[in-house]
């Protein structure tokens, strides 16, 4: 329980100090993506959050270690859900060393990252 609380607080702090996407790049779309990562460990989540925090394309919105659910916002120029799913799977496998992933939900919104 203490470990889960620690990682939740770490995520909130990292998101608070992450530079705005609008400062660095202009993306046409954003997606809310829900991923199921069975057997997600605290170490994997720590690696993942540390690796993607400086990347202005991703924002971790929510994570539940017990259920293995990761919710993130992804800024991009894709128009197809399949492209978003593949990009997310690639990033999570690379940064979080996650092997078993299932993208459960992708919602693409036309949202310029230059807007507030």
N, C-alpha and C. Protein backbone atom coordinates (compact mmCIF):
# COMPACT_ATOMS: atom_id res chain seq x y z
N UNK A 1 0.82 -1.19 0.00
CA UNK A 1 0.00 0.00 0.00
C UNK A 1 0.87 1.26 0.00
N UNK A 2 1.96 1.25 0.79
CA UNK A 2 2.85 2.41 0.83
C UNK A 2 3.54 2.62 -0.51
N UNK A 3 3.88 1.52 -1.18
CA UNK A 3 4.54 1.61 -2.48
C UNK A 3 3.60 2.23 -3.50
N UNK A 4 2.33 1.81 -3.51
CA UNK A 4 1.35 2.36 -4.44
C UNK A 4 1.15 3.85 -4.20
N UNK A 5 1.04 4.24 -2.95
CA UNK A 5 0.89 5.65 -2.60
C UNK A 5 2.10 6.45 -3.05
N UNK A 6 3.29 5.89 -2.85
CA UNK A 6 4.52 6.56 -3.26
C UNK A 6 4.51 6.83 -4.76
N UNK A 7 4.16 5.81 -5.56
CA UNK A 7 4.16 5.97 -7.01
C UNK A 7 3.08 6.94 -7.48
N UNK A 8 1.94 6.94 -6.81
CA UNK A 8 0.89 7.91 -7.16
C UNK A 8 1.37 9.34 -6.91
N UNK A 9 1.99 9.56 -5.75
CA UNK A 9 2.52 10.89 -5.43
C UNK A 9 3.65 11.28 -6.39
N UNK A 10 4.50 10.32 -6.72
CA UNK A 10 5.58 10.58 -7.67
C UNK A 10 5.02 11.01 -9.02
N UNK A 11 3.98 10.35 -9.47
CA UNK A 11 3.36 10.71 -10.75
C UNK A 11 2.81 12.12 -10.72
N UNK A 12 2.11 12.46 -9.66
CA UNK A 12 1.53 13.80 -9.54
C UNK A 12 2.63 14.85 -9.58
N UNK A 13 3.71 14.63 -8.86
CA UNK A 13 4.82 15.58 -8.85
C UNK A 13 5.48 15.69 -10.21
N UNK A 14 5.66 14.57 -10.88
CA UNK A 14 6.30 14.59 -12.20
C UNK A 14 5.43 15.33 -13.21
N UNK A 15 4.11 15.10 -13.15
CA UNK A 15 3.22 15.79 -14.08
C UNK A 15 3.17 17.29 -13.80
N UNK A 16 3.30 17.65 -12.53
CA UNK A 16 3.26 19.07 -12.17
C UNK A 16 4.47 19.82 -12.71
N UNK A 17 5.61 19.15 -12.83
CA UNK A 17 6.83 19.81 -13.28
C UNK A 17 7.20 19.49 -14.72
N UNK A 18 6.31 18.81 -15.45
CA UNK A 18 6.56 18.50 -16.86
C UNK A 18 6.22 19.73 -17.69
N UNK A 19 7.10 20.15 -18.61
CA UNK A 19 6.81 21.31 -19.44
C UNK A 19 5.58 21.07 -20.30
N UNK A 20 4.90 22.13 -20.61
CA UNK A 20 3.70 22.05 -21.44
C UNK A 20 4.05 21.56 -22.84
N UNK A 21 3.15 20.76 -23.39
CA UNK A 21 3.33 20.27 -24.76
C UNK A 21 3.36 21.45 -25.73
N UNK A 22 2.59 22.46 -25.44
CA UNK A 22 2.50 23.61 -26.34
C UNK A 22 3.82 24.35 -26.46
N UNK A 23 4.70 24.22 -25.50
CA UNK A 23 5.97 24.94 -25.53
C UNK A 23 6.92 24.37 -26.57
N UNK A 24 6.85 23.06 -26.81
CA UNK A 24 7.85 22.42 -27.64
C UNK A 24 7.39 22.04 -29.04
N UNK A 25 6.18 21.56 -29.18
CA UNK A 25 5.73 21.03 -30.46
C UNK A 25 4.27 21.36 -30.70
N UNK A 26 3.86 21.23 -31.94
CA UNK A 26 2.47 21.47 -32.28
C UNK A 26 1.91 20.19 -32.91
N UNK A 27 1.06 19.52 -32.18
CA UNK A 27 0.42 18.31 -32.66
C UNK A 27 -1.03 18.61 -32.98
N UNK A 28 -1.54 17.98 -34.02
CA UNK A 28 -2.92 18.21 -34.44
C UNK A 28 -3.94 17.50 -33.56
N UNK A 29 -3.58 16.34 -33.02
CA UNK A 29 -4.53 15.51 -32.29
C UNK A 29 -3.99 15.10 -30.93
N UNK A 30 -4.92 14.73 -30.07
CA UNK A 30 -4.54 14.08 -28.83
C UNK A 30 -5.47 12.90 -28.64
N UNK A 31 -4.98 11.92 -27.92
CA UNK A 31 -5.78 10.72 -27.66
C UNK A 31 -5.73 10.37 -26.19
N UNK A 32 -6.87 9.97 -25.68
CA UNK A 32 -6.93 9.35 -24.38
C UNK A 32 -6.81 7.85 -24.65
N UNK A 33 -5.83 7.21 -24.04
CA UNK A 33 -5.55 5.80 -24.32
C UNK A 33 -5.56 5.02 -23.01
N UNK A 34 -6.30 3.91 -23.00
CA UNK A 34 -6.34 3.04 -21.84
C UNK A 34 -5.67 1.73 -22.22
N UNK A 35 -4.68 1.34 -21.41
CA UNK A 35 -3.89 0.14 -21.69
C UNK A 35 -3.98 -0.80 -20.50
N UNK A 36 -4.11 -2.08 -20.79
CA UNK A 36 -4.07 -3.12 -19.76
C UNK A 36 -2.70 -3.78 -19.82
N UNK A 37 -1.96 -3.72 -18.72
CA UNK A 37 -0.62 -4.32 -18.63
C UNK A 37 -0.64 -5.29 -17.45
N UNK A 38 -1.02 -6.55 -17.70
CA UNK A 38 -1.09 -7.52 -16.60
C UNK A 38 0.26 -7.64 -15.89
N UNK A 39 0.19 -7.84 -14.60
CA UNK A 39 1.39 -8.03 -13.77
C UNK A 39 2.31 -6.80 -13.78
N UNK A 40 1.75 -5.62 -13.91
CA UNK A 40 2.52 -4.38 -13.86
C UNK A 40 3.11 -4.23 -12.46
N UNK A 41 4.42 -4.07 -12.40
CA UNK A 41 5.09 -3.93 -11.11
C UNK A 41 5.40 -2.46 -10.83
N UNK A 42 5.70 -2.18 -9.59
CA UNK A 42 6.08 -0.82 -9.20
C UNK A 42 7.36 -0.38 -9.88
N UNK A 43 8.31 -1.31 -10.04
CA UNK A 43 9.56 -0.97 -10.72
C UNK A 43 9.32 -0.63 -12.20
N UNK A 44 8.47 -1.42 -12.86
CA UNK A 44 8.16 -1.13 -14.26
C UNK A 44 7.48 0.22 -14.38
N UNK A 45 6.54 0.49 -13.49
CA UNK A 45 5.86 1.78 -13.53
C UNK A 45 6.84 2.93 -13.27
N UNK A 46 7.75 2.74 -12.35
CA UNK A 46 8.76 3.77 -12.07
C UNK A 46 9.63 4.06 -13.28
N UNK A 47 10.08 3.00 -13.96
CA UNK A 47 10.87 3.17 -15.18
C UNK A 47 10.07 3.89 -16.26
N UNK A 48 8.82 3.48 -16.40
CA UNK A 48 7.96 4.07 -17.42
C UNK A 48 7.71 5.55 -17.15
N UNK A 49 7.33 5.87 -15.94
CA UNK A 49 7.02 7.27 -15.63
C UNK A 49 8.25 8.16 -15.72
N UNK A 50 9.40 7.64 -15.32
CA UNK A 50 10.64 8.41 -15.41
C UNK A 50 11.05 8.65 -16.86
N UNK A 51 10.81 7.66 -17.71
CA UNK A 51 11.22 7.77 -19.11
C UNK A 51 10.31 8.67 -19.93
N UNK A 52 9.00 8.62 -19.67
CA UNK A 52 8.11 9.41 -20.52
C UNK A 52 7.79 10.80 -19.97
N UNK A 53 8.13 11.06 -18.72
CA UNK A 53 7.86 12.38 -18.15
C UNK A 53 8.51 13.51 -18.95
N UNK A 54 9.77 13.38 -19.38
CA UNK A 54 10.38 14.46 -20.15
C UNK A 54 9.88 14.53 -21.60
N UNK A 55 9.22 13.49 -22.07
CA UNK A 55 8.73 13.46 -23.45
C UNK A 55 7.40 14.18 -23.52
N UNK A 56 7.35 15.26 -24.25
CA UNK A 56 6.16 16.11 -24.27
C UNK A 56 4.98 15.51 -25.02
N UNK A 57 5.13 14.34 -25.59
CA UNK A 57 4.00 13.71 -26.29
C UNK A 57 3.11 12.92 -25.36
N UNK A 58 3.59 12.58 -24.18
CA UNK A 58 2.84 11.71 -23.27
C UNK A 58 2.56 12.39 -21.95
N UNK A 59 1.41 12.07 -21.40
CA UNK A 59 1.06 12.53 -20.06
C UNK A 59 0.35 11.37 -19.36
N UNK A 60 0.95 10.83 -18.30
CA UNK A 60 0.30 9.78 -17.54
C UNK A 60 -0.84 10.39 -16.73
N UNK A 61 -2.05 9.92 -16.98
CA UNK A 61 -3.22 10.46 -16.30
C UNK A 61 -3.59 9.65 -15.06
N UNK A 62 -3.42 8.31 -15.17
CA UNK A 62 -3.84 7.43 -14.08
C UNK A 62 -3.16 6.08 -14.25
N UNK A 63 -2.80 5.46 -13.14
CA UNK A 63 -2.25 4.11 -13.16
C UNK A 63 -2.73 3.36 -11.93
N UNK A 64 -3.13 2.12 -12.12
CA UNK A 64 -3.49 1.24 -11.02
C UNK A 64 -2.63 -0.01 -11.13
N UNK A 65 -1.69 -0.17 -10.21
CA UNK A 65 -0.79 -1.31 -10.24
C UNK A 65 -1.53 -2.62 -10.03
N UNK A 66 -2.52 -2.63 -9.16
CA UNK A 66 -3.23 -3.87 -8.85
C UNK A 66 -3.96 -4.44 -10.06
N UNK A 67 -4.58 -3.57 -10.85
CA UNK A 67 -5.31 -4.06 -12.03
C UNK A 67 -4.48 -3.98 -13.30
N UNK A 68 -3.35 -3.29 -13.25
CA UNK A 68 -2.50 -3.16 -14.42
C UNK A 68 -3.04 -2.21 -15.47
N UNK A 69 -3.82 -1.24 -15.05
CA UNK A 69 -4.41 -0.28 -15.97
C UNK A 69 -3.58 1.00 -16.01
N UNK A 70 -3.29 1.45 -17.22
CA UNK A 70 -2.56 2.70 -17.43
C UNK A 70 -3.43 3.58 -18.33
N UNK A 71 -3.67 4.80 -17.90
CA UNK A 71 -4.42 5.76 -18.71
C UNK A 71 -3.47 6.91 -19.01
N UNK A 72 -3.34 7.22 -20.29
CA UNK A 72 -2.45 8.33 -20.65
C UNK A 72 -3.03 9.17 -21.78
N UNK A 73 -2.53 10.37 -21.85
CA UNK A 73 -2.87 11.30 -22.94
C UNK A 73 -1.66 11.31 -23.86
N UNK A 74 -1.93 11.17 -25.16
CA UNK A 74 -0.87 11.09 -26.16
C UNK A 74 -1.14 12.14 -27.23
N UNK A 75 -0.19 13.05 -27.43
CA UNK A 75 -0.30 14.09 -28.45
C UNK A 75 0.42 13.61 -29.71
N UNK A 76 -0.24 13.76 -30.87
CA UNK A 76 0.30 13.16 -32.09
C UNK A 76 -0.34 13.80 -33.33
N UNK A 77 0.07 13.31 -34.49
CA UNK A 77 -0.51 13.75 -35.77
C UNK A 77 -1.17 12.60 -36.51
N UNK A 78 -1.48 11.50 -35.82
CA UNK A 78 -2.14 10.36 -36.44
C UNK A 78 -3.64 10.62 -36.58
N UNK A 79 -4.25 9.93 -37.55
CA UNK A 79 -5.70 10.02 -37.70
C UNK A 79 -6.38 8.66 -37.50
N UNK A 80 -5.60 7.60 -37.36
CA UNK A 80 -6.15 6.25 -37.20
C UNK A 80 -5.83 5.69 -35.82
N UNK A 81 -6.82 5.02 -35.23
CA UNK A 81 -6.64 4.43 -33.90
C UNK A 81 -5.55 3.36 -33.90
N UNK A 82 -5.42 2.62 -34.98
CA UNK A 82 -4.39 1.59 -35.07
C UNK A 82 -2.99 2.17 -34.98
N UNK A 83 -2.78 3.32 -35.59
CA UNK A 83 -1.47 3.99 -35.52
C UNK A 83 -1.17 4.43 -34.09
N UNK A 84 -2.19 4.96 -33.41
CA UNK A 84 -2.02 5.39 -32.02
C UNK A 84 -1.71 4.17 -31.14
N UNK A 85 -2.45 3.09 -31.33
CA UNK A 85 -2.23 1.87 -30.54
C UNK A 85 -0.81 1.35 -30.72
N UNK A 86 -0.35 1.31 -31.96
CA UNK A 86 1.00 0.80 -32.23
C UNK A 86 2.07 1.70 -31.60
N UNK A 87 1.89 3.01 -31.70
CA UNK A 87 2.86 3.95 -31.11
C UNK A 87 2.91 3.81 -29.59
N UNK A 88 1.75 3.66 -28.97
CA UNK A 88 1.69 3.51 -27.52
C UNK A 88 2.33 2.20 -27.08
N UNK A 89 1.99 1.11 -27.76
CA UNK A 89 2.58 -0.19 -27.42
C UNK A 89 4.11 -0.15 -27.54
N UNK A 90 4.59 0.46 -28.61
CA UNK A 90 6.04 0.56 -28.82
C UNK A 90 6.70 1.35 -27.69
N UNK A 91 6.09 2.49 -27.33
CA UNK A 91 6.66 3.33 -26.27
C UNK A 91 6.64 2.62 -24.91
N UNK A 92 5.54 1.96 -24.58
CA UNK A 92 5.45 1.30 -23.29
C UNK A 92 6.39 0.10 -23.20
N UNK A 93 6.52 -0.62 -24.29
CA UNK A 93 7.46 -1.75 -24.28
C UNK A 93 8.89 -1.28 -24.14
N UNK A 94 9.21 -0.20 -24.82
CA UNK A 94 10.58 0.33 -24.78
C UNK A 94 10.91 0.94 -23.43
N UNK A 95 10.05 1.80 -22.94
CA UNK A 95 10.35 2.55 -21.72
C UNK A 95 10.03 1.80 -20.44
N UNK A 96 8.99 0.99 -20.43
CA UNK A 96 8.59 0.32 -19.20
C UNK A 96 8.98 -1.13 -19.15
N UNK A 97 9.63 -1.61 -20.21
CA UNK A 97 10.02 -3.02 -20.29
C UNK A 97 8.80 -3.92 -20.11
N UNK A 98 7.65 -3.49 -20.67
CA UNK A 98 6.41 -4.25 -20.58
C UNK A 98 6.29 -5.17 -21.79
N UNK A 99 5.97 -6.42 -21.55
CA UNK A 99 5.90 -7.38 -22.65
C UNK A 99 4.47 -7.69 -23.05
N UNK A 100 3.59 -7.84 -22.10
CA UNK A 100 2.20 -8.19 -22.39
C UNK A 100 1.33 -6.94 -22.24
N UNK A 101 0.85 -6.42 -23.36
CA UNK A 101 0.05 -5.20 -23.36
C UNK A 101 -1.20 -5.39 -24.21
N UNK A 102 -2.28 -4.76 -23.77
CA UNK A 102 -3.50 -4.73 -24.57
C UNK A 102 -4.05 -3.31 -24.52
N UNK A 103 -4.17 -2.68 -25.68
CA UNK A 103 -4.79 -1.36 -25.74
C UNK A 103 -6.30 -1.59 -25.73
N UNK A 104 -6.94 -1.09 -24.69
CA UNK A 104 -8.37 -1.32 -24.49
C UNK A 104 -9.21 -0.24 -25.16
N UNK A 105 -8.71 1.00 -25.16
CA UNK A 105 -9.53 2.12 -25.63
C UNK A 105 -8.63 3.20 -26.19
N UNK A 106 -9.04 3.76 -27.33
CA UNK A 106 -8.35 4.90 -27.93
C UNK A 106 -9.41 5.88 -28.39
N UNK A 107 -9.28 7.11 -27.97
CA UNK A 107 -10.18 8.18 -28.41
C UNK A 107 -9.32 9.28 -29.01
N UNK A 108 -9.48 9.52 -30.31
CA UNK A 108 -8.71 10.57 -30.98
C UNK A 108 -9.56 11.84 -31.03
N UNK A 109 -8.98 12.92 -30.53
CA UNK A 109 -9.64 14.23 -30.55
C UNK A 109 -8.80 15.19 -31.36
N UNK A 110 -9.45 15.95 -32.18
CA UNK A 110 -8.75 17.00 -32.92
C UNK A 110 -8.51 18.11 -31.93
N UNK A 111 -7.31 18.20 -31.46
CA UNK A 111 -6.95 19.16 -30.42
C UNK A 111 -5.54 19.63 -30.65
N UNK A 112 -5.41 20.84 -31.03
CA UNK A 112 -4.07 21.38 -31.25
C UNK A 112 -3.38 21.56 -29.92
N UNK A 113 -2.14 21.13 -29.85
CA UNK A 113 -1.40 21.27 -28.60
C UNK A 113 -1.00 22.72 -28.35
N UNK A 114 -1.21 23.58 -29.34
CA UNK A 114 -0.89 25.00 -29.16
C UNK A 114 -2.00 25.72 -28.42
N UNK A 115 -3.14 25.05 -28.23
CA UNK A 115 -4.25 25.68 -27.50
C UNK A 115 -4.05 25.46 -26.01
N UNK A 116 -4.62 26.33 -25.22
CA UNK A 116 -4.57 26.17 -23.74
C UNK A 116 -5.63 25.22 -23.29
